[in-house]
C-alpha atoms as a PDB file:
ATOM      1  CA  MET A   1      97.619  81.721  97.685  1.00  0.00           C
ATOM      2  CA  ILE A   2     100.018  84.208  99.284  1.00  0.00           C
ATOM      3  CA  LYS A   3      99.292  83.427 102.917  1.00  0.00           C
ATOM      4  CA  ASN A   4     102.015  84.747 105.240  1.00  0.00           C
ATOM      5  CA  LYS A   5     103.749  86.640 102.426  1.00  0.00           C
ATOM      6  CA  VAL A   6     104.792  90.200 103.221  1.00  0.00           C
ATOM      7  CA  GLY A   7     104.724  93.201 100.942  1.00  0.00           C
ATOM      8  CA  ILE A   8     104.747  96.971 100.735  1.00  0.00           C
ATOM      9  CA  ILE A   9     102.365  99.199  98.801  1.00  0.00           C
ATOM     10  CA  PHE A  10     103.225 102.669  97.507  1.00  0.00           C
ATOM     11  CA  GLY A  11     100.486 104.976  96.313  1.00  0.00           C
ATOM     12  CA  VAL A  12      97.332 104.631  98.408  1.00  0.00           C
ATOM     13  CA  ALA A  13      95.605 108.018  98.426  1.00  0.00           C
ATOM     14  CA  ASN A  14      92.007 107.114  99.313  1.00  0.00           C
ATOM     15  CA  LYS A  15      89.468 104.315  99.004  1.00  0.00           C
ATOM     16  CA  ARG A  16      89.207 104.802  95.224  1.00  0.00           C
ATOM     17  CA  SER A  17      92.935 104.245  94.649  1.00  0.00           C
ATOM     18  CA  ILE A  18      94.053 101.348  92.490  1.00  0.00           C
ATOM     19  CA  ALA A  19      96.663 100.770  95.189  1.00  0.00           C
ATOM     20  CA  TRP A  20      93.943 100.341  97.816  1.00  0.00           C
ATOM     21  CA  ALA A  21      91.963  97.897  95.663  1.00  0.00           C
ATOM     22  CA  THR A  22      95.221  95.978  95.219  1.00  0.00           C
ATOM     23  CA  ALA A  23      95.822  96.023  98.973  1.00  0.00           C
ATOM     24  CA  GLN A  24      92.370  94.564  99.573  1.00  0.00           C
ATOM     25  CA  ALA A  25      92.993  91.713  97.135  1.00  0.00           C
ATOM     26  CA  LEU A  26      96.385  90.922  98.681  1.00  0.00           C
ATOM     27  CA  HIS A  27      95.086  91.160 102.240  1.00  0.00           C
ATOM     28  CA  GLU A  28      92.151  88.863 101.543  1.00  0.00           C
ATOM     29  CA  ALA A  29      94.592  86.329 100.088  1.00  0.00           C
ATOM     30  CA  GLY A  30      96.520  86.258 103.367  1.00  0.00           C
ATOM     31  CA  ALA A  31      99.372  88.740 102.897  1.00  0.00           C
ATOM     32  CA  ARG A  32     100.726  91.035 105.585  1.00  0.00           C
ATOM     33  CA  LEU A  33     101.151  94.577 104.310  1.00  0.00           C
ATOM     34  CA  ALA A  34     103.087  97.769 104.878  1.00  0.00           C
ATOM     35  CA  PHE A  35     101.915 101.073 103.417  1.00  0.00           C
ATOM     36  CA  THR A  36     103.651 104.344 102.693  1.00  0.00           C
ATOM     37  CA  TYR A  37     102.188 107.819 102.602  1.00  0.00           C
ATOM     38  CA  GLN A  38     103.372 111.295 101.657  1.00  0.00           C
ATOM     39  CA  GLY A  39     102.433 114.069 104.069  1.00  0.00           C
ATOM     40  CA  ASP A  40     100.008 114.311 106.956  1.00  0.00           C
ATOM     41  CA  ARG A  41      96.902 114.629 104.800  1.00  0.00           C
ATOM     42  CA  LEU A  42      97.498 111.322 103.065  1.00  0.00           C
ATOM     43  CA  LYS A  43      98.597 109.751 106.345  1.00  0.00           C
ATOM     44  CA  GLU A  44      95.118 110.403 107.734  1.00  0.00           C
ATOM     45  CA  ASN A  45      93.539 108.776 104.669  1.00  0.00           C
ATOM     46  CA  VAL A  46      95.735 105.671 104.814  1.00  0.00           C
ATOM     47  CA  GLU A  47      95.365 105.356 108.588  1.00  0.00           C
ATOM     48  CA  GLY A  48      91.602 105.589 108.312  1.00  0.00           C
ATOM     49  CA  LEU A  49      91.466 102.840 105.699  1.00  0.00           C
ATOM     50  CA  THR A  50      93.913 100.450 107.339  1.00  0.00           C
ATOM     51  CA  ASN A  51      92.648 100.912 110.905  1.00  0.00           C
ATOM     52  CA  GLU A  52      89.224  99.773 109.783  1.00  0.00           C
ATOM     53  CA  ALA A  53      90.120  97.033 107.308  1.00  0.00           C
ATOM     54  CA  MET A  54      93.684  95.954 108.116  1.00  0.00           C
ATOM     55  CA  PRO A  55      94.560  96.774 111.730  1.00  0.00           C
ATOM     56  CA  GLY A  56      98.203  96.236 112.580  1.00  0.00           C
ATOM     57  CA  SER A  57      99.494  97.252 109.169  1.00  0.00           C
ATOM     58  CA  LEU A  58     102.833  99.035 109.130  1.00  0.00           C
ATOM     59  CA  LEU A  59     102.513 102.686 108.003  1.00  0.00           C
ATOM     60  CA  LEU A  60     105.614 104.578 106.942  1.00  0.00           C
ATOM     61  CA  PRO A  61     106.226 108.108 105.635  1.00  0.00           C
ATOM     62  CA  CYS A  62     107.956 108.050 102.261  1.00  0.00           C
ATOM     63  CA  ASP A  63     108.441 110.832  99.750  1.00  0.00           C
ATOM     64  CA  VAL A  64     110.307 109.261  96.829  1.00  0.00           C
ATOM     65  CA  THR A  65     111.983 112.598  96.054  1.00  0.00           C
ATOM     66  CA  LYS A  66     113.806 112.272  99.394  1.00  0.00           C
ATOM     67  CA  GLN A  67     116.291 109.392  99.345  1.00  0.00           C
ATOM     68  CA  GLU A  68     116.664 109.421 103.128  1.00  0.00           C
ATOM     69  CA  GLU A  69     112.953 108.631 103.514  1.00  0.00           C
ATOM     70  CA  VAL A  70     113.214 105.766 101.026  1.00  0.00           C
ATOM     71  CA  ASP A  71     116.223 104.366 102.901  1.00  0.00           C
ATOM     72  CA  GLN A  72     114.429 104.639 106.243  1.00  0.00           C
ATOM     73  CA  THR A  73     111.313 102.965 104.835  1.00  0.00           C
ATOM     74  CA  PHE A  74     113.147  99.833 103.781  1.00  0.00           C
ATOM     75  CA  LYS A  75     115.192  99.773 106.966  1.00  0.00           C
ATOM     76  CA  ARG A  76     111.946  99.680 108.951  1.00  0.00           C
ATOM     77  CA  VAL A  77     110.490  97.003 106.672  1.00  0.00           C
ATOM     78  CA  GLY A  78     113.578  94.864 107.244  1.00  0.00           C
ATOM     79  CA  GLU A  79     113.327  95.326 111.000  1.00  0.00           C
ATOM     80  CA  GLU A  80     109.610  94.555 111.070  1.00  0.00           C
ATOM     81  CA  PHE A  81     109.326  91.741 108.520  1.00  0.00           C
ATOM     82  CA  GLY A  82     112.872  90.472 108.033  1.00  0.00           C
ATOM     83  CA  ARG A  83     112.206  90.076 104.318  1.00  0.00           C
ATOM     84  CA  LEU A  84     109.999  91.313 101.498  1.00  0.00           C
ATOM     85  CA  ASP A  85     108.031  89.166  99.053  1.00  0.00           C
ATOM     86  CA  PHE A  86     106.401  91.810  96.855  1.00  0.00           C
ATOM     87  CA  LEU A  87     106.239  95.528  96.161  1.00  0.00           C
ATOM     88  CA  ILE A  88     103.384  97.457  94.536  1.00  0.00           C
ATOM     89  CA  HIS A  89     104.366 100.709  92.814  1.00  0.00           C
ATOM     90  CA  SER A  90     101.319 102.876  92.145  1.00  0.00           C
ATOM     91  CA  ILE A  91     102.953 106.296  92.097  1.00  0.00           C
ATOM     92  CA  ALA A  92     102.527 108.933  89.396  1.00  0.00           C
ATOM     93  CA  TYR A  93     102.561 112.705  89.361  1.00  0.00           C
ATOM     94  CA  ALA A  94     102.871 115.592  86.943  1.00  0.00           C
ATOM     95  CA  PRO A  95     101.978 119.240  87.495  1.00  0.00           C
ATOM     96  CA  ARG A  96      98.363 119.882  86.517  1.00  0.00           C
ATOM     97  CA  GLU A  97      99.344 122.483  83.921  1.00  0.00           C
ATOM     98  CA  ALA A  98     101.317 119.805  82.039  1.00  0.00           C
ATOM     99  CA  LEU A  99      98.228 117.594  81.662  1.00  0.00           C
ATOM    100  CA  GLY A 100      96.366 119.649  79.118  1.00  0.00           C
ATOM    101  CA  GLY A 101      96.935 121.663  75.988  1.00  0.00           C
ATOM    102  CA  GLU A 102      99.890 120.755  73.785  1.00  0.00           C
ATOM    103  CA  TYR A 103     102.742 118.474  74.859  1.00  0.00           C
ATOM    104  CA  LEU A 104     104.929 120.905  72.901  1.00  0.00           C
ATOM    105  CA  ASN A 105     104.560 123.379  75.759  1.00  0.00           C
ATOM    106  CA  THR A 106     105.841 121.065  78.515  1.00  0.00           C
ATOM    107  CA  THR A 107     108.348 122.888  80.701  1.00  0.00           C
ATOM    108  CA  ARG A 108     111.669 121.412  81.754  1.00  0.00           C
ATOM    109  CA  GLU A 109     110.538 121.474  85.388  1.00  0.00           C
ATOM    110  CA  ALA A 110     107.299 119.612  84.656  1.00  0.00           C
ATOM    111  CA  PHE A 111     109.117 117.034  82.526  1.00  0.00           C
ATOM    112  CA  LEU A 112     111.760 116.313  85.167  1.00  0.00           C
ATOM    113  CA  THR A 113     109.176 116.145  87.946  1.00  0.00           C
ATOM    114  CA  ALA A 114     106.951 113.706  86.045  1.00  0.00           C
ATOM    115  CA  LEU A 115     109.841 111.454  85.053  1.00  0.00           C
ATOM    116  CA  GLU A 116     111.394 111.426  88.520  1.00  0.00           C
ATOM    117  CA  ILE A 117     108.241 110.621  90.467  1.00  0.00           C
ATOM    118  CA  SER A 118     106.409 108.469  87.923  1.00  0.00           C
ATOM    119  CA  ALA A 119     109.285 106.476  86.398  1.00  0.00           C
ATOM    120  CA  TYR A 120     112.615 106.805  88.205  1.00  0.00           C
ATOM    121  CA  SER A 121     110.929 105.946  91.499  1.00  0.00           C
ATOM    122  CA  LEU A 122     110.406 102.379  90.237  1.00  0.00           C
ATOM    123  CA  VAL A 123     114.156 101.982  89.763  1.00  0.00           C
ATOM    124  CA  GLN A 124     114.801 103.636  93.123  1.00  0.00           C
ATOM    125  CA  LEU A 125     112.370 101.398  95.013  1.00  0.00           C
ATOM    126  CA  ALA A 126     113.462  98.215  93.236  1.00  0.00           C
ATOM    127  CA  HIS A 127     117.078  98.943  94.175  1.00  0.00           C
ATOM    128  CA  ALA A 128     116.082  99.365  97.823  1.00  0.00           C
ATOM    129  CA  ALA A 129     113.745  96.354  97.887  1.00  0.00           C
ATOM    130  CA  ALA A 130     115.980  93.806  96.155  1.00  0.00           C
ATOM    131  CA  PRO A 131     118.239  93.060  99.172  1.00  0.00           C
ATOM    132  CA  LEU A 132     115.128  92.208 101.218  1.00  0.00           C
ATOM    133  CA  MET A 133     113.815  89.837  98.537  1.00  0.00           C
ATOM    134  CA  SER A 134     116.290  87.160  99.548  1.00  0.00           C
ATOM    135  CA  GLU A 135     113.876  84.375  98.596  1.00  0.00           C
ATOM    136  CA  GLY A 136     112.825  85.986  95.325  1.00  0.00           C
ATOM    137  CA  GLY A 137     109.926  88.312  94.884  1.00  0.00           C
ATOM    138  CA  SER A 138     107.564  90.266  92.681  1.00  0.00           C
ATOM    139  CA  ILE A 139     107.507  93.969  91.819  1.00  0.00           C
ATOM    140  CA  VAL A 140     104.373  95.309  90.127  1.00  0.00           C
ATOM    141  CA  CYS A 141     103.835  98.831  88.775  1.00  0.00           C
ATOM    142  CA  MET A 142     100.837 100.581  87.216  1.00  0.00           C
ATOM    143  CA  THR A 143     100.911 102.046  83.728  1.00  0.00           C
ATOM    144  CA  TYR A 144      98.443 103.201  81.061  1.00  0.00           C
ATOM    145  CA  TYR A 145      97.882 102.942  77.296  1.00  0.00           C
ATOM    146  CA  GLY A 146      99.029 106.552  76.916  1.00  0.00           C
ATOM    147  CA  ALA A 147     102.562 105.156  77.127  1.00  0.00           C
ATOM    148  CA  GLU A 148     102.186 103.791  73.580  1.00  0.00           C
ATOM    149  CA  LYS A 149      99.532 105.881  71.872  1.00  0.00           C
ATOM    150  CA  VAL A 150      98.712 109.571  71.993  1.00  0.00           C
ATOM    151  CA  ILE A 151      95.917 110.242  74.483  1.00  0.00           C
ATOM    152  CA  ALA A 152      94.718 113.853  74.394  1.00  0.00           C
ATOM    153  CA  GLY A 153      95.632 115.646  77.590  1.00  0.00           C
ATOM    154  CA  TYR A 154      97.836 112.865  78.970  1.00  0.00           C
ATOM    155  CA  ASN A 155     100.936 114.531  77.554  1.00  0.00           C
ATOM    156  CA  VAL A 156     104.053 114.295  79.744  1.00  0.00           C
ATOM    157  CA  MET A 157     102.512 111.515  81.809  1.00  0.00           C
ATOM    158  CA  GLY A 158     102.414 109.368  78.669  1.00  0.00           C
ATOM    159  CA  VAL A 159     106.137 109.935  78.234  1.00  0.00           C
ATOM    160  CA  ALA A 160     106.719 109.086  81.898  1.00  0.00           C
ATOM    161  CA  LYS A 161     104.680 105.895  81.578  1.00  0.00           C
ATOM    162  CA  ALA A 162     106.684 104.912  78.496  1.00  0.00           C
ATOM    163  CA  ALA A 163     109.831 105.270  80.610  1.00  0.00           C
ATOM    164  CA  LEU A 164     108.158 103.238  83.355  1.00  0.00           C
ATOM    165  CA  GLU A 165     107.375 100.396  80.946  1.00  0.00           C
ATOM    166  CA  ALA A 166     110.927 100.381  79.564  1.00  0.00           C
ATOM    167  CA  SER A 167     112.261 100.385  83.127  1.00  0.00           C
ATOM    168  CA  THR A 168     110.062  97.367  83.871  1.00  0.00           C
ATOM    169  CA  ARG A 169     111.828  95.396  81.157  1.00  0.00           C
ATOM    170  CA  TYR A 170     115.343  96.472  82.096  1.00  0.00           C
ATOM    171  CA  LEU A 171     114.729  95.777  85.776  1.00  0.00           C
ATOM    172  CA  ALA A 172     113.257  92.376  84.947  1.00  0.00           C
ATOM    173  CA  ASN A 173     116.488  91.535  83.152  1.00  0.00           C
ATOM    174  CA  ASP A 174     118.695  92.811  85.976  1.00  0.00           C
ATOM    175  CA  LEU A 175     116.758  91.117  88.770  1.00  0.00           C
ATOM    176  CA  GLY A 176     115.853  87.845  87.103  1.00  0.00           C
ATOM    177  CA  ALA A 177     118.999  86.136  88.365  1.00  0.00           C
ATOM    178  CA  ARG A 178     117.764  86.827  91.912  1.00  0.00           C
ATOM    179  CA  ASN A 179     114.359  85.306  91.118  1.00  0.00           C
ATOM    180  CA  ILE A 180     112.734  88.722  91.354  1.00  0.00           C
ATOM    181  CA  ARG A 181     110.050  89.352  88.746  1.00  0.00           C
ATOM    182  CA  VAL A 182     109.066  92.829  87.527  1.00  0.00           C
ATOM    183  CA  ASN A 183     105.823  93.479  85.657  1.00  0.00           C
ATOM    184  CA  ALA A 184     103.496  96.337  84.759  1.00  0.00           C
ATOM    185  CA  ILE A 185      99.711  96.438  84.648  1.00  0.00           C
ATOM    186  CA  SER A 186      98.189  98.728  82.025  1.00  0.00           C
ATOM    187  CA  ALA A 187      94.767  99.556  83.402  1.00  0.00           C
ATOM    188  CA  GLY A 188      91.988 101.281  81.545  1.00  0.00           C
ATOM    189  CA  PRO A 189      90.912 104.717  82.821  1.00  0.00           C
ATOM    190  CA  ILE A 190      89.606 104.651  86.396  1.00  0.00           C
ATOM    191  CA  GLN A 191      88.182 107.545  88.400  1.00  0.00           C
ATOM    192  CA  THR A 192      90.993 108.058  90.916  1.00  0.00           C
ATOM    193  CA  LEU A 193      92.447 111.107  92.639  1.00  0.00           C
ATOM    194  CA  SER A 194      95.353 111.347  90.195  1.00  0.00           C
ATOM    195  CA  ALA A 195      93.039 110.922  87.193  1.00  0.00           C
ATOM    196  CA  ARG A 196      91.262 114.135  88.096  1.00  0.00           C
ATOM    197  CA  GLY A 197      94.342 116.040  87.006  1.00  0.00           C
ATOM    198  CA  VAL A 198      93.941 114.886  83.392  1.00  0.00           C
ATOM    199  CA  SER A 199      91.937 117.332  81.319  1.00  0.00           C
ATOM    200  CA  ASP A 200      88.517 116.072  80.150  1.00  0.00           C
ATOM    201  CA  PHE A 201      88.961 112.745  81.935  1.00  0.00           C
ATOM    202  CA  SER A 202      85.224 112.042  81.781  1.00  0.00           C
ATOM    203  CA  SER A 203      85.472 111.881  77.978  1.00  0.00           C
ATOM    204  CA  MET A 204      88.274 109.315  78.284  1.00  0.00           C
ATOM    205  CA  LEU A 205      86.042 107.140  80.465  1.00  0.00           C
ATOM    206  CA  LYS A 206      83.142 107.322  78.026  1.00  0.00           C
ATOM    207  CA  HIS A 207      85.310 106.673  74.982  1.00  0.00           C
ATOM    208  CA  ALA A 208      86.932 103.616  76.586  1.00  0.00           C
ATOM    209  CA  ALA A 209      83.593 102.151  77.609  1.00  0.00           C
ATOM    210  CA  ASP A 210      82.075 102.771  74.189  1.00  0.00           C
ATOM    211  CA  HIS A 211      84.935 101.130  72.285  1.00  0.00           C
ATOM    212  CA  ALA A 212      86.181  98.316  74.538  1.00  0.00           C
ATOM    213  CA  PRO A 213      85.004  94.807  73.599  1.00  0.00           C
ATOM    214  CA  LEU A 214      83.400  94.404  77.032  1.00  0.00           C
ATOM    215  CA  HIS A 215      81.587  97.749  76.582  1.00  0.00           C
ATOM    216  CA  ARG A 216      82.400  99.035  80.042  1.00  0.00           C
ATOM    217  CA  ASN A 217      85.180 100.551  82.114  1.00  0.00           C
ATOM    218  CA  VAL A 218      87.474  98.448  84.239  1.00  0.00           C
ATOM    219  CA  GLU A 219      87.050  98.512  88.019  1.00  0.00           C
ATOM    220  CA  ALA A 220      89.928  99.092  90.406  1.00  0.00           C
ATOM    221  CA  ARG A 221      89.433  95.716  92.087  1.00  0.00           C
ATOM    222  CA  GLU A 222      89.871  93.965  88.740  1.00  0.00           C
ATOM    223  CA  VAL A 223      93.306  95.574  88.512  1.00  0.00           C
ATOM    224  CA  GLY A 224      94.017  94.502  92.086  1.00  0.00           C
ATOM    225  CA  ASN A 225      93.126  90.911  91.247  1.00  0.00           C
ATOM    226  CA  VAL A 226      95.687  90.846  88.450  1.00  0.00           C
ATOM    227  CA  ALA A 227      98.294  92.320  90.795  1.00  0.00           C
ATOM    228  CA  LEU A 228      97.496  89.479  93.200  1.00  0.00           C
ATOM    229  CA  PHE A 229      98.086  86.991  90.392  1.00  0.00           C
ATOM    230  CA  LEU A 230     101.452  88.579  89.583  1.00  0.00           C
ATOM    231  CA  CYS A 231     102.506  88.393  93.238  1.00  0.00           C
ATOM    232  CA  SER A 232     101.408  84.782  93.583  1.00  0.00           C
ATOM    233  CA  PRO A 233     103.012  81.426  92.704  1.00  0.00           C
ATOM    234  CA  LEU A 234     100.685  81.288  89.682  1.00  0.00           C
ATOM    235  CA  ALA A 235     102.899  83.838  87.888  1.00  0.00           C
ATOM    236  CA  THR A 236     106.385  82.497  88.622  1.00  0.00           C
ATOM    237  CA  ALA A 237     107.357  82.485  84.912  1.00  0.00           C
ATOM    238  CA  VAL A 238     105.957  85.938  84.100  1.00  0.00           C
ATOM    239  CA  THR A 239     108.380  88.875  84.103  1.00  0.00           C
ATOM    240  CA  GLY A 240     109.107  91.989  82.069  1.00  0.00           C
ATOM    241  CA  GLU A 241     105.518  92.106  80.801  1.00  0.00           C
ATOM    242  CA  VAL A 242     102.902  94.801  80.397  1.00  0.00           C
ATOM    243  CA  ILE A 243      99.563  93.132  81.122  1.00  0.00           C
ATOM    244  CA  TYR A 244      96.453  94.959  79.931  1.00  0.00           C
ATOM    245  CA  VAL A 245      93.475  95.124  82.266  1.00  0.00           C
ATOM    246  CA  ASP A 246      91.278  97.444  80.225  1.00  0.00           C
ATOM    247  CA  CYS A 247      88.244  95.430  79.130  1.00  0.00           C
ATOM    248  CA  GLY A 248      90.059  94.814  75.833  1.00  0.00           C
ATOM    249  CA  TYR A 249      90.293  98.442  74.736  1.00  0.00           C
ATOM    250  CA  ASN A 250      93.918  98.130  73.609  1.00  0.00           C
ATOM    251  CA  ILE A 251      93.154  95.499  70.959  1.00  0.00           C
ATOM    252  CA  MET A 252      90.847  97.746  68.965  1.00  0.00           C
ATOM    253  CA  GLY A 253      91.712  99.594  65.775  1.00  0.00           C
ATOM    254  CA  ILE A 254      89.340 101.864  63.917  1.00  0.00           C
END
């Protein structure tokens, strides 16, 4: 379905990452992948995963708060691949102290950090990727229902995800003339490294499973499969959308 397509994935932390499940789906469909990592600790994790499952993958250091690293990443991708067909953005961060208690108490520093890393980075990476998507392309980011409704403990990350979803729509409009599509996947709660920072995350998992029409939690690979769809020729008319992969939780009222 995407055989011989090339793409880059931001946000693999370990084998439980949504980004890694997405990488597996894309790799199995025939894509060639590049991965980024932040710091030596995460480099070891990504290297361990790719060496075993996807030998020959391009691994690049990239801290999105450092523009020079972003520029160097896409320079290397251009040198290695010559083009880019898709980009997966699975990056989010807020200081742990901002993911609990009252949103009212969010500090300026925590707010700016969360918005820069979790939302602005999509704009930043899309700007860098677009020149390499000379034949069109697909950009997919990961969001969550806390962007639209209050989720206890999600706090500033909900605000950042709301900005991410709005950015998805504005970028889709800007890049549509270049045949570049931009979409977001709103996944249900999944036990990932970043999720551990949300206070009482286990209660979120139980609540979602109890109330979703499918009466279970979504699995990371199910999110990856939808990302594969969005990167494939099956989704050539889909852009600017937030697609829910949450076992139906978002449709429920009281």
